[in-house]
Protein backbone atom coordinates (compact mmCIF):
# COMPACT_ATOMS: atom_id res chain seq x y z
CA MET A 1 -8.94 17.70 -16.17
CA LYS A 2 -6.48 15.14 -17.55
CA VAL A 3 -5.49 12.35 -15.15
CA SER A 4 -3.72 9.00 -15.44
CA PRO A 5 -6.06 6.02 -15.88
CA VAL A 6 -5.32 4.81 -12.35
CA VAL A 7 -5.94 8.18 -10.72
CA GLY A 8 -9.09 8.46 -12.83
CA VAL A 9 -10.40 5.16 -11.49
CA ILE A 10 -9.49 6.08 -7.90
CA LEU A 11 -11.35 9.39 -8.27
CA GLY A 12 -14.29 7.66 -9.92
CA LEU A 13 -13.76 9.49 -13.22
CA LEU A 14 -12.99 6.43 -15.36
CA PRO A 15 -14.33 2.87 -15.44
CA ARG A 16 -12.29 0.01 -13.88
CA ALA A 17 -11.57 -1.60 -17.28
CA SER A 18 -9.06 1.13 -18.16
CA THR A 19 -6.46 -0.29 -15.75
CA GLU A 20 -5.89 -3.71 -17.33
CA SER A 21 -2.31 -2.85 -18.35
CA LEU A 22 -0.66 -1.10 -15.42
CA SER A 23 2.74 0.56 -15.36
CA LYS A 24 5.04 0.34 -12.35
CA GLN A 25 4.05 3.90 -11.46
CA ASP A 26 0.35 3.01 -11.68
CA LYS A 27 0.85 0.06 -9.31
CA LYS A 28 2.72 2.31 -6.88
CA GLU A 29 -0.12 4.87 -7.00
CA ILE A 30 -2.65 2.13 -6.29
CA VAL A 31 -0.70 0.80 -3.29
CA ARG A 32 -0.08 4.28 -1.93
CA SER A 33 -3.80 5.13 -2.18
CA LEU A 34 -4.82 1.79 -0.63
CA LEU A 35 -2.49 2.30 2.32
CA LYS A 36 -3.71 5.90 2.75
CA SER A 37 -7.29 4.56 2.80
CA LEU A 38 -6.49 3.02 6.20
CA GLU A 39 -6.35 6.63 7.42
CA THR A 40 -9.00 8.27 5.24
CA ARG A 41 -11.46 5.34 5.10
CA ASP A 42 -11.85 6.11 1.37
CA ARG A 43 -13.36 3.01 -0.28
CA LYS A 44 -12.38 3.86 -3.88
CA PRO A 45 -8.93 2.18 -3.71
CA LEU A 46 -10.66 -1.08 -2.70
CA ALA A 47 -11.73 -1.35 -6.37
CA PHE A 48 -8.16 -2.48 -7.08
CA ILE A 49 -8.48 -5.59 -4.92
CA ASN A 50 -9.57 -8.66 -6.85
CA PRO A 51 -13.07 -9.43 -5.49
CA LYS A 52 -12.74 -13.15 -6.33
CA LYS A 53 -9.16 -13.77 -5.24
CA PHE A 54 -7.49 -11.80 -2.46
CA ILE A 55 -5.17 -13.79 -0.22
CA GLN A 56 -4.22 -12.08 2.99
CA HIS A 57 -0.97 -13.27 4.61
CA ASP A 58 -1.70 -11.43 7.86
CA PRO A 59 -3.48 -13.60 10.44
CA ARG A 60 -5.34 -10.54 11.77
CA ILE A 61 -7.07 -9.96 8.44
CA GLU A 62 -9.45 -12.34 6.69
CA ASP A 63 -9.00 -13.21 3.02
CA GLY A 64 -11.14 -11.34 0.53
CA VAL A 65 -12.22 -7.74 0.09
CA GLU A 66 -14.80 -8.03 2.87
CA GLY A 67 -12.09 -9.12 5.33
CA PHE A 68 -10.01 -6.08 4.38
CA LYS A 69 -13.05 -3.81 4.81
CA ARG A 70 -13.67 -5.25 8.30
CA TYR A 71 -10.01 -4.67 9.18
CA ILE A 72 -10.19 -1.02 8.10
CA ALA A 73 -13.46 -0.51 9.99
CA GLY A 74 -11.80 -1.80 13.18
CA LEU A 75 -8.84 0.58 13.05
CA PRO A 76 -8.68 3.47 15.53
CA ALA A 77 -10.20 6.74 14.30
CA ASP A 78 -6.82 8.48 14.68
CA THR A 79 -5.00 6.03 12.38
CA ARG A 80 -2.31 7.74 10.29
CA VAL A 81 -0.24 6.42 7.38
CA ASN A 82 2.85 7.99 5.83
CA THR A 83 4.41 5.93 3.05
CA VAL A 84 8.14 6.66 3.10
CA ARG A 85 9.37 4.57 0.17
CA ILE A 86 7.71 2.41 -2.44
CA VAL A 87 9.21 0.13 -5.10
CA ALA A 88 7.51 -1.77 -7.93
CA ASP A 89 8.99 -4.74 -9.76
CA ASP A 90 6.88 -6.72 -12.23
CA ASP A 91 3.77 -7.85 -10.33
CA TYR A 92 5.04 -6.86 -6.88
CA VAL A 93 4.98 -3.56 -4.98
CA VAL A 94 6.80 -3.13 -1.67
CA ALA A 95 6.02 -0.16 0.56
CA GLN A 96 7.64 0.98 3.79
CA SER A 97 5.41 3.21 5.87
CA GLU A 98 5.08 4.88 9.24
CA PHE A 99 1.80 3.98 10.91
CA THR A 100 0.02 5.36 13.91
CA LEU A 101 -2.33 2.56 14.93
CA SER A 102 -2.19 1.58 18.57
CA GLY A 103 1.00 3.63 18.79
CA PRO A 104 3.80 4.56 16.36
CA GLN A 105 4.85 1.66 14.12
CA VAL A 106 6.91 1.05 11.01
CA GLY A 107 5.81 -1.52 8.49
CA PHE A 108 6.59 -3.22 5.23
CA ASP A 109 3.73 -4.20 2.94
CA ILE A 110 4.11 -6.40 -0.12
CA PHE A 111 1.34 -6.53 -2.70
CA ARG A 112 1.10 -8.87 -5.69
CA PHE A 113 -0.87 -7.84 -8.77
CA GLU A 114 -2.49 -10.10 -11.33
CA ASN A 115 -4.38 -8.79 -14.36
CA GLY A 116 -4.42 -5.23 -12.98
CA LEU A 117 -5.75 -6.17 -9.54
CA ILE A 118 -4.20 -6.89 -6.15
CA VAL A 119 -4.45 -10.60 -5.37
CA GLU A 120 -2.09 -11.01 -2.38
CA HIS A 121 -0.84 -8.97 0.55
CA TRP A 122 1.89 -9.56 3.14
CA GLU A 123 2.54 -7.21 6.06
CA ASN A 124 5.10 -6.84 8.83
CA LEU A 125 4.69 -4.19 11.54
CA GLU A 126 6.92 -3.37 14.49
CA ALA A 127 7.02 -0.64 17.08
CA LYS A 128 8.81 2.48 15.94
CA CYS A 129 12.02 3.00 17.88
CA PRO A 130 11.93 6.40 19.61
CA ARG A 131 15.56 7.25 18.80
CA PRO A 132 18.34 6.27 16.39
CA ASN A 133 20.35 3.12 17.00
CA GLY A 134 24.03 3.10 18.02
CA SER A 135 25.05 3.85 14.43
CA GLY A 136 22.82 6.90 14.33
CA ARG A 137 20.27 5.25 11.98
CA THR A 138 16.50 5.05 12.30
CA GLN A 139 14.09 2.54 10.84
CA ILE A 140 13.09 4.87 8.02
CA ASP A 141 16.01 7.18 7.23
CA GLY A 142 18.11 6.93 4.09
CA PRO A 143 17.33 7.34 0.41
CA THR A 144 13.67 7.10 -0.57
CA GLU A 145 14.14 6.90 -4.35
CA ILE A 146 16.20 4.48 -6.45
CA THR A 147 18.59 6.56 -8.52
CA ASP A 148 21.05 3.98 -9.91
CA LEU A 149 18.68 2.09 -12.16
CA ASP A 150 21.52 1.34 -14.58
CA LYS A 151 23.09 -1.01 -12.00
CA ASP A 152 21.33 -4.37 -12.21
């Protein structure tokens, strides 16, 4: 079975060292798998968090990998994560996701990579609005892929 280096590491098929030079797509795969691990409790994506330097900009979560593990362990068993859109630019990945934690929520997560590992995380969650706003828009509708990459 041929897999990308990042997927290979996540699945435990390849050693961690193979991810030193990550593409934008690799970083997006890592973030998507890490967010999904909140639901699945899969510990493999935690290998992409720098064990010596992980700054958490969410006051509910302690710095470091152990703080993130404790956060995941404290989530409700019925936690669900659906990443709607994800964008990578240099060392940053931004994801917008629907969460079911203590109720339906929508969140933005920002991750910063350094030397192939996640070293910082910012998060903003808010309750999911049950219906569209006055303009007929929801918090998550609209395009999910960037298609006009030629327009800088």
